[in-house]
């Protein structure tokens, strides 16, 4: 069975990218490029799911929904 996970990529101040899977608390990784960060977060997700299964926790930790909010900003 294939599952999809939302991943947030953030450009790091030190260079490279940080990847986070918000539906799995504590599931973070990083990489020098976006592609590397995505490869690394895939591995982190697999490890997180294996750990959750071993501990009897549900596969999806949290339901995460992404929404965009628009507002006027002075500047």
PDB file of N, CA and C in Angstrom:
ATOM      1  N   UNK A   1       0.849  -1.181   0.000  1.00  0.00           N
ATOM      2  CA  UNK A   1       0.000   0.000   0.000  1.00  0.00           C
ATOM      3  C   UNK A   1       0.897   1.248   0.000  1.00  0.00           C
ATOM      4  N   UNK A   2       0.546   2.189  -0.812  1.00  0.00           N
ATOM      5  CA  UNK A   2       1.312   3.432  -0.892  1.00  0.00           C
ATOM      6  C   UNK A   2       0.570   4.531  -0.144  1.00  0.00           C
ATOM      7  N   UNK A   3       1.303   5.293   0.658  1.00  0.00           N
ATOM      8  CA  UNK A   3       0.730   6.413   1.405  1.00  0.00           C
ATOM      9  C   UNK A   3       1.442   7.689   0.988  1.00  0.00           C
ATOM     10  N   UNK A   4       0.741   8.800   1.094  1.00  0.00           N
ATOM     11  CA  UNK A   4       1.330  10.113   0.824  1.00  0.00           C
ATOM     12  C   UNK A   4       1.490  10.862   2.138  1.00  0.00           C
ATOM     13  N   UNK A   5       2.576  11.578   2.251  1.00  0.00           N
ATOM     14  CA  UNK A   5       2.852  12.374   3.443  1.00  0.00           C
ATOM     15  C   UNK A   5       3.205  13.788   3.002  1.00  0.00           C
ATOM     16  N   UNK A   6       2.638  14.768   3.670  1.00  0.00           N
ATOM     17  CA  UNK A   6       2.993  16.162   3.418  1.00  0.00           C
ATOM     18  C   UNK A   6       4.369  16.426   4.000  1.00  0.00           C
ATOM     19  N   UNK A   7       5.217  17.069   3.209  1.00  0.00           N
ATOM     20  CA  UNK A   7       6.568  17.410   3.652  1.00  0.00           C
ATOM     21  C   UNK A   7       6.764  18.906   3.446  1.00  0.00           C
ATOM     22  N   UNK A   8       7.305  19.575   4.439  1.00  0.00           N
ATOM     23  CA  UNK A   8       7.607  21.004   4.355  1.00  0.00           C
ATOM     24  C   UNK A   8       9.112  21.153   4.201  1.00  0.00           C
ATOM     25  N   UNK A   9       9.522  21.873   3.154  1.00  0.00           N
ATOM     26  CA  UNK A   9      10.938  22.162   2.922  1.00  0.00           C
ATOM     27  C   UNK A   9      11.203  23.611   3.281  1.00  0.00           C
ATOM     28  N   UNK A  10      12.241  23.838   4.064  1.00  0.00           N
ATOM     29  CA  UNK A  10      12.622  25.186   4.460  1.00  0.00           C
ATOM     30  C   UNK A  10      14.094  25.381   4.137  1.00  0.00           C
ATOM     31  N   UNK A  11      14.411  26.501   3.484  1.00  0.00           N
ATOM     32  CA  UNK A  11      15.807  26.804   3.192  1.00  0.00           C
ATOM     33  C   UNK A  11      16.492  27.180   4.501  1.00  0.00           C
ATOM     34  N   UNK A  12      17.606  26.539   4.777  1.00  0.00           N
ATOM     35  CA  UNK A  12      18.340  26.768   6.017  1.00  0.00           C
ATOM     36  C   UNK A  12      19.233  27.996   5.898  1.00  0.00           C
ATOM     37  N   UNK A  13      19.356  28.764   6.975  1.00  0.00           N
ATOM     38  CA  UNK A  13      20.256  29.918   6.997  1.00  0.00           C
ATOM     39  C   UNK A  13      21.714  29.498   6.802  1.00  0.00           C
ATOM     40  N   UNK A  14      22.041  28.277   7.215  1.00  0.00           N
ATOM     41  CA  UNK A  14      23.409  27.770   7.100  1.00  0.00           C
ATOM     42  C   UNK A  14      23.678  27.151   5.731  1.00  0.00           C
ATOM     43  N   UNK A  15      22.662  27.097   4.867  1.00  0.00           N
ATOM     44  CA  UNK A  15      22.777  26.452   3.563  1.00  0.00           C
ATOM     45  C   UNK A  15      22.024  25.134   3.559  1.00  0.00           C
ATOM     46  N   UNK A  16      21.604  24.719   2.414  1.00  0.00           N
ATOM     47  CA  UNK A  16      20.854  23.476   2.303  1.00  0.00           C
ATOM     48  C   UNK A  16      19.395  23.666   2.685  1.00  0.00           C
ATOM     49  N   UNK A  17      18.728  22.549   2.927  1.00  0.00           N
ATOM     50  CA  UNK A  17      17.298  22.554   3.202  1.00  0.00           C
ATOM     51  C   UNK A  17      16.973  21.643   4.374  1.00  0.00           C
ATOM     52  N   UNK A  18      15.979  22.036   5.150  1.00  0.00           N
ATOM     53  CA  UNK A  18      15.438  21.224   6.233  1.00  0.00           C
ATOM     54  C   UNK A  18      14.091  20.697   5.755  1.00  0.00           C
ATOM     55  N   UNK A  19      13.845  19.414   5.968  1.00  0.00           N
ATOM     56  CA  UNK A  19      12.581  18.791   5.587  1.00  0.00           C
ATOM     57  C   UNK A  19      11.883  18.293   6.850  1.00  0.00           C
ATOM     58  N   UNK A  20      10.580  18.525   6.909  1.00  0.00           N
ATOM     59  CA  UNK A  20       9.782  18.118   8.063  1.00  0.00           C
ATOM     60  C   UNK A  20       8.522  17.430   7.581  1.00  0.00           C
ATOM     61  N   UNK A  21       8.147  16.357   8.244  1.00  0.00           N
ATOM     62  CA  UNK A  21       6.877  15.678   7.978  1.00  0.00           C
ATOM     63  C   UNK A  21       5.966  15.958   9.170  1.00  0.00           C
ATOM     64  N   UNK A  22       5.095  16.979   9.069  1.00  0.00           N
ATOM     65  CA  UNK A  22       4.324  17.407  10.241  1.00  0.00           C
ATOM     66  C   UNK A  22       3.333  16.376  10.775  1.00  0.00           C
ATOM     67  N   UNK A  23       2.937  15.393   9.971  1.00  0.00           N
ATOM     68  CA  UNK A  23       2.001  14.390  10.482  1.00  0.00           C
ATOM     69  C   UNK A  23       2.683  13.341  11.353  1.00  0.00           C
ATOM     70  N   UNK A  24       4.027  13.353  11.356  1.00  0.00           N
ATOM     71  CA  UNK A  24       4.793  12.444  12.211  1.00  0.00           C
ATOM     72  C   UNK A  24       5.664  13.297  13.137  1.00  0.00           C
ATOM     73  N   UNK A  25       5.200  13.584  14.346  1.00  0.00           N
ATOM     74  CA  UNK A  25       5.928  14.464  15.252  1.00  0.00           C
ATOM     75  C   UNK A  25       7.400  14.059  15.404  1.00  0.00           C
ATOM     76  N   UNK A  26       8.286  15.041  15.264  1.00  0.00           N
ATOM     77  CA  UNK A  26       9.710  14.804  15.418  1.00  0.00           C
ATOM     78  C   UNK A  26      10.398  14.254  14.182  1.00  0.00           C
ATOM     79  N   UNK A  27       9.675  14.138  13.078  1.00  0.00           N
ATOM     80  CA  UNK A  27      10.245  13.569  11.855  1.00  0.00           C
ATOM     81  C   UNK A  27      10.832  14.698  10.998  1.00  0.00           C
ATOM     82  N   UNK A  28      12.138  14.889  11.129  1.00  0.00           N
ATOM     83  CA  UNK A  28      12.879  15.932  10.422  1.00  0.00           C
ATOM     84  C   UNK A  28      14.071  15.309   9.718  1.00  0.00           C
ATOM     85  N   UNK A  29      14.552  15.971   8.687  1.00  0.00           N
ATOM     86  CA  UNK A  29      15.813  15.608   8.058  1.00  0.00           C
ATOM     87  C   UNK A  29      16.343  16.844   7.352  1.00  0.00           C
ATOM     88  N   UNK A  30      17.437  16.687   6.639  1.00  0.00           N
ATOM     89  CA  UNK A  30      18.014  17.824   5.928  1.00  0.00           C
ATOM     90  C   UNK A  30      18.832  17.322   4.755  1.00  0.00           C
ATOM     91  N   UNK A  31      19.245  18.243   3.901  1.00  0.00           N
ATOM     92  CA  UNK A  31      20.096  17.910   2.776  1.00  0.00           C
ATOM     93  C   UNK A  31      20.671  19.161   2.157  1.00  0.00           C
ATOM     94  N   UNK A  32      21.735  19.006   1.411  1.00  0.00           N
ATOM     95  CA  UNK A  32      22.367  20.150   0.745  1.00  0.00           C
ATOM     96  C   UNK A  32      21.505  20.696  -0.388  1.00  0.00           C
ATOM     97  N   UNK A  33      20.714  19.829  -1.021  1.00  0.00           N
ATOM     98  CA  UNK A  33      19.809  20.232  -2.102  1.00  0.00           C
ATOM     99  C   UNK A  33      18.387  19.801  -1.742  1.00  0.00           C
ATOM    100  N   UNK A  34      17.409  20.330  -2.482  1.00  0.00           N
ATOM    101  CA  UNK A  34      16.024  19.897  -2.246  1.00  0.00           C
ATOM    102  C   UNK A  34      15.887  18.398  -2.461  1.00  0.00           C
ATOM    103  N   UNK A  35      16.495  17.904  -3.549  1.00  0.00           N
ATOM    104  CA  UNK A  35      16.406  16.475  -3.858  1.00  0.00           C
ATOM    105  C   UNK A  35      16.996  15.626  -2.736  1.00  0.00           C
ATOM    106  N   UNK A  36      18.140  16.026  -2.216  1.00  0.00           N
ATOM    107  CA  UNK A  36      18.774  15.290  -1.125  1.00  0.00           C
ATOM    108  C   UNK A  36      17.908  15.347   0.136  1.00  0.00           C
ATOM    109  N   UNK A  37      17.345  16.511   0.432  1.00  0.00           N
ATOM    110  CA  UNK A  37      16.474  16.645   1.606  1.00  0.00           C
ATOM    111  C   UNK A  37      15.247  15.744   1.473  1.00  0.00           C
ATOM    112  N   UNK A  38      14.680  15.674   0.261  1.00  0.00           N
ATOM    113  CA  UNK A  38      13.510  14.817   0.044  1.00  0.00           C
ATOM    114  C   UNK A  38      13.874  13.336   0.159  1.00  0.00           C
ATOM    115  N   UNK A  39      15.024  12.939  -0.377  1.00  0.00           N
ATOM    116  CA  UNK A  39      15.473  11.552  -0.222  1.00  0.00           C
ATOM    117  C   UNK A  39      15.660  11.219   1.257  1.00  0.00           C
ATOM    118  N   UNK A  40      16.267  12.149   1.994  1.00  0.00           N
ATOM    119  CA  UNK A  40      16.528  11.913   3.415  1.00  0.00           C
ATOM    120  C   UNK A  40      15.250  11.869   4.238  1.00  0.00           C
ATOM    121  N   UNK A  41      14.260  12.708   3.902  1.00  0.00           N
ATOM    122  CA  UNK A  41      13.011  12.681   4.673  1.00  0.00           C
ATOM    123  C   UNK A  41      12.228  11.409   4.374  1.00  0.00           C
ATOM    124  N   UNK A  42      12.347  10.883   3.156  1.00  0.00           N
ATOM    125  CA  UNK A  42      11.704   9.592   2.856  1.00  0.00           C
ATOM    126  C   UNK A  42      12.240   8.516   3.809  1.00  0.00           C
ATOM    127  N   UNK A  43      13.552   8.486   3.973  1.00  0.00           N
ATOM    128  CA  UNK A  43      14.169   7.520   4.876  1.00  0.00           C
ATOM    129  C   UNK A  43      13.716   7.761   6.316  1.00  0.00           C
ATOM    130  N   UNK A  44      13.650   9.026   6.722  1.00  0.00           N
ATOM    131  CA  UNK A  44      13.204   9.360   8.084  1.00  0.00           C
ATOM    132  C   UNK A  44      11.749   8.942   8.305  1.00  0.00           C
ATOM    133  N   UNK A  45      10.914   9.102   7.286  1.00  0.00           N
ATOM    134  CA  UNK A  45       9.501   8.693   7.395  1.00  0.00           C
ATOM    135  C   UNK A  45       9.415   7.185   7.576  1.00  0.00           C
ATOM    136  N   UNK A  46      10.173   6.433   6.773  1.00  0.00           N
ATOM    137  CA  UNK A  46      10.172   4.975   6.901  1.00  0.00           C
ATOM    138  C   UNK A  46      10.585   4.560   8.308  1.00  0.00           C
ATOM    139  N   UNK A  47      11.664   5.159   8.817  1.00  0.00           N
ATOM    140  CA  UNK A  47      12.128   4.830  10.170  1.00  0.00           C
ATOM    141  C   UNK A  47      11.097   5.220  11.228  1.00  0.00           C
ATOM    142  N   UNK A  48      10.457   6.366  11.041  1.00  0.00           N
ATOM    143  CA  UNK A  48       9.435   6.808  11.984  1.00  0.00           C
ATOM    144  C   UNK A  48       8.251   5.838  11.986  1.00  0.00           C
ATOM    145  N   UNK A  49       7.826   5.398  10.805  1.00  0.00           N
ATOM    146  CA  UNK A  49       6.705   4.460  10.715  1.00  0.00           C
ATOM    147  C   UNK A  49       7.064   3.120  11.359  1.00  0.00           C
ATOM    148  N   UNK A  50       8.289   2.642  11.143  1.00  0.00           N
ATOM    149  CA  UNK A  50       8.719   1.394  11.767  1.00  0.00           C
ATOM    150  C   UNK A  50       8.726   1.521  13.286  1.00  0.00           C
ATOM    151  N   UNK A  51       9.198   2.654  13.785  1.00  0.00           N
ATOM    152  CA  UNK A  51       9.221   2.895  15.232  1.00  0.00           C
ATOM    153  C   UNK A  51       7.810   2.968  15.786  1.00  0.00           C
ATOM    154  N   UNK A  52       6.929   3.698  15.087  1.00  0.00           N
ATOM    155  CA  UNK A  52       5.549   3.823  15.550  1.00  0.00           C
ATOM    156  C   UNK A  52       4.880   2.453  15.606  1.00  0.00           C
ATOM    157  N   UNK A  53       5.124   1.623  14.587  1.00  0.00           N
ATOM    158  CA  UNK A  53       4.534   0.283  14.564  1.00  0.00           C
ATOM    159  C   UNK A  53       5.052  -0.553  15.735  1.00  0.00           C
ATOM    160  N   UNK A  54       6.353  -0.505  15.983  1.00  0.00           N
ATOM    161  CA  UNK A  54       6.954  -1.270  17.079  1.00  0.00           C
ATOM    162  C   UNK A  54       6.403  -0.836  18.436  1.00  0.00           C
ATOM    163  N   UNK A  55       6.040   0.445  18.545  1.00  0.00           N
ATOM    164  CA  UNK A  55       5.521   0.967  19.814  1.00  0.00           C
ATOM    165  C   UNK A  55       3.993   0.916  19.885  1.00  0.00           C
ATOM    166  N   UNK A  56       3.364   0.354  18.851  1.00  0.00           N
ATOM    167  CA  UNK A  56       1.904   0.219  18.849  1.00  0.00           C
ATOM    168  C   UNK A  56       1.163   1.520  18.604  1.00  0.00           C
ATOM    169  N   UNK A  57       1.825   2.482  17.997  1.00  0.00           N
ATOM    170  CA  UNK A  57       1.194   3.771  17.697  1.00  0.00           C
ATOM    171  C   UNK A  57       0.613   3.748  16.287  1.00  0.00           C
ATOM    172  N   UNK A  58      -0.402   4.568  16.009  1.00  0.00           N
ATOM    173  CA  UNK A  58      -0.959   4.604  14.652  1.00  0.00           C
ATOM    174  C   UNK A  58       0.077   5.116  13.649  1.00  0.00           C
ATOM    175  N   UNK A  59      -0.053   4.668  12.399  1.00  0.00           N
ATOM    176  CA  UNK A  59       0.898   5.047  11.347  1.00  0.00           C
ATOM    177  C   UNK A  59       0.930   6.546  11.127  1.00  0.00           C
ATOM    178  N   UNK A  60      -0.229   7.165  11.093  1.00  0.00           N
ATOM    179  CA  UNK A  60      -0.286   8.617  10.939  1.00  0.00           C
ATOM    180  C   UNK A  60      -0.452   9.220  12.313  1.00  0.00           C
ATOM    181  N   UNK A  61       0.506  10.025  12.718  1.00  0.00           N
ATOM    182  CA  UNK A  61       0.451  10.638  14.038  1.00  0.00           C
ATOM    183  C   UNK A  61      -0.638  11.681  14.153  1.00  0.00           C
ATOM    184  N   UNK A  62      -0.656  12.627  13.238  1.00  0.00           N
ATOM    185  CA  UNK A  62      -1.585  13.742  13.285  1.00  0.00           C
ATOM    186  C   UNK A  62      -2.187  13.962  11.904  1.00  0.00           C
ATOM    187  N   UNK A  63      -3.415  14.423  11.872  1.00  0.00           N
ATOM    188  CA  UNK A  63      -3.989  14.846  10.591  1.00  0.00           C
ATOM    189  C   UNK A  63      -3.511  16.270  10.352  1.00  0.00           C
ATOM    190  N   UNK A  64      -2.877  16.495   9.228  1.00  0.00           N
ATOM    191  CA  UNK A  64      -2.334  17.807   8.913  1.00  0.00           C
ATOM    192  C   UNK A  64      -3.012  18.340   7.673  1.00  0.00           C
ATOM    193  N   UNK A  65      -3.436  19.572   7.743  1.00  0.00           N
ATOM    194  CA  UNK A  65      -4.039  20.234   6.595  1.00  0.00           C
ATOM    195  C   UNK A  65      -3.275  21.520   6.342  1.00  0.00           C
ATOM    196  N   UNK A  66      -2.933  21.767   5.108  1.00  0.00           N
ATOM    197  CA  UNK A  66      -2.202  22.965   4.727  1.00  0.00           C
ATOM    198  C   UNK A  66      -3.200  23.980   4.171  1.00  0.00           C
ATOM    199  N   UNK A  67      -3.151  25.182   4.650  1.00  0.00           N
ATOM    200  CA  UNK A  67      -4.016  26.264   4.174  1.00  0.00           C
ATOM    201  C   UNK A  67      -3.187  27.507   3.960  1.00  0.00           C
ATOM    202  N   UNK A  68      -3.584  28.306   3.014  1.00  0.00           N
ATOM    203  CA  UNK A  68      -2.897  29.577   2.756  1.00  0.00           C
ATOM    204  C   UNK A  68      -3.769  30.696   3.277  1.00  0.00           C
ATOM    205  N   UNK A  69      -3.147  31.625   3.985  1.00  0.00           N
ATOM    206  CA  UNK A  69      -3.854  32.764   4.556  1.00  0.00           C
ATOM    207  C   UNK A  69      -3.265  34.021   3.916  1.00  0.00           C
ATOM    208  N   UNK A  70      -4.132  34.889   3.431  1.00  0.00           N
ATOM    209  CA  UNK A  70      -3.683  36.132   2.829  1.00  0.00           C
ATOM    210  C   UNK A  70      -4.056  37.307   3.733  1.00  0.00           C
ATOM    211  N   UNK A  71      -3.143  38.265   3.839  1.00  0.00           N
ATOM    212  CA  UNK A  71      -3.420  39.459   4.610  1.00  0.00           C
ATOM    213  C   UNK A  71      -2.572  40.596   4.087  1.00  0.00           C
ATOM    214  N   UNK A  72      -3.024  41.797   4.367  1.00  0.00           N
ATOM    215  CA  UNK A  72      -2.286  42.989   3.960  1.00  0.00           C
ATOM    216  C   UNK A  72      -1.161  43.238   4.956  1.00  0.00           C
ATOM    217  N   UNK A  73       0.029  43.516   4.436  1.00  0.00           N
ATOM    218  CA  UNK A  73       1.183  43.773   5.293  1.00  0.00           C
ATOM    219  C   UNK A  73       1.746  45.123   4.919  1.00  0.00           C
ATOM    220  N   UNK A  74       1.935  45.962   5.913  1.00  0.00           N
ATOM    221  CA  UNK A  74       2.543  47.274   5.665  1.00  0.00           C
ATOM    222  C   UNK A  74       4.026  47.075   5.421  1.00  0.00           C
ATOM    223  N   UNK A  75       4.536  47.752   4.448  1.00  0.00           N
ATOM    224  CA  UNK A  75       5.949  47.585   4.292  1.00  0.00           C
ATOM    225  C   UNK A  75       6.447  48.136   3.035  1.00  0.00           C
TER     226      UNK A  75
END
